[in-house]
């Protein structure tokens, strides 16, 4: 860990970059304390005030939190999903620089719950492909998905679901997702979900229902997502519509 005193980049920005890299790489784990400002100043050969400036930016970005009398703690990092920018989960994680790990996937043809047939607008006489996936990073799983697919697509259990799902649908089945309809809720995690996500039972999690539609508004997939609330948050943007007389 060192800074370049001859660089044109301000020292506090270099320190911010070093600390940010250490946090994002996992060198400083969630919940751990940074070395004291005095210690960082000594090993970097800078003033304590310069160190404090570098830390302040990370505090403002939500990566660090100052605690009175204890020091500066690494805050649990969350992944922000913007509802107005729907795209595949794998691509979304790649855009955020997160290397997605597939902990397991399971497929089977099933008679699904009545709600699933209603969401997919299909007859209950059909068995549906059910796909379960547990995703996370190298440290731990953070989201569990259950998907059912409309039978007209023809997708089977024999697909390689380690590949991006919507790439498979588009390239092999000529099915292109265009939009989604979503419902969000906060629920208590029950088994087996809590076990999959490696959290205590009854701990709050984010629960999302999603219907994926093609360009003709025909249902493609009905998906349930269970997200660790310490790892995810949803960002929603509303735009005001003007009306006559305002």
Foldseek 3Di string as FASTA:
>chain_A
DEDDPPDPDDPLCVLLVVVVVCDVVCVAPAFHADPALVVVCVVHVHDSVSPVSNVVVCVVVVQWDADPPPHIGGHLAADEAEQVDDDFPCVSCVVVVADKDWPDKDKDFAQDPPVFCVLQVHDSVGTWIWMWTFMDGPPFTFKIKIKTFDVVQVDDPPDDPVDGPQVCSCPPRVFHFDHKDKDKDKFFADPPRCVRRVHDGGDIWIWMWMFTAGPVRRTTMTMIMTGHPSHYDYDYDDDDDDDPPD
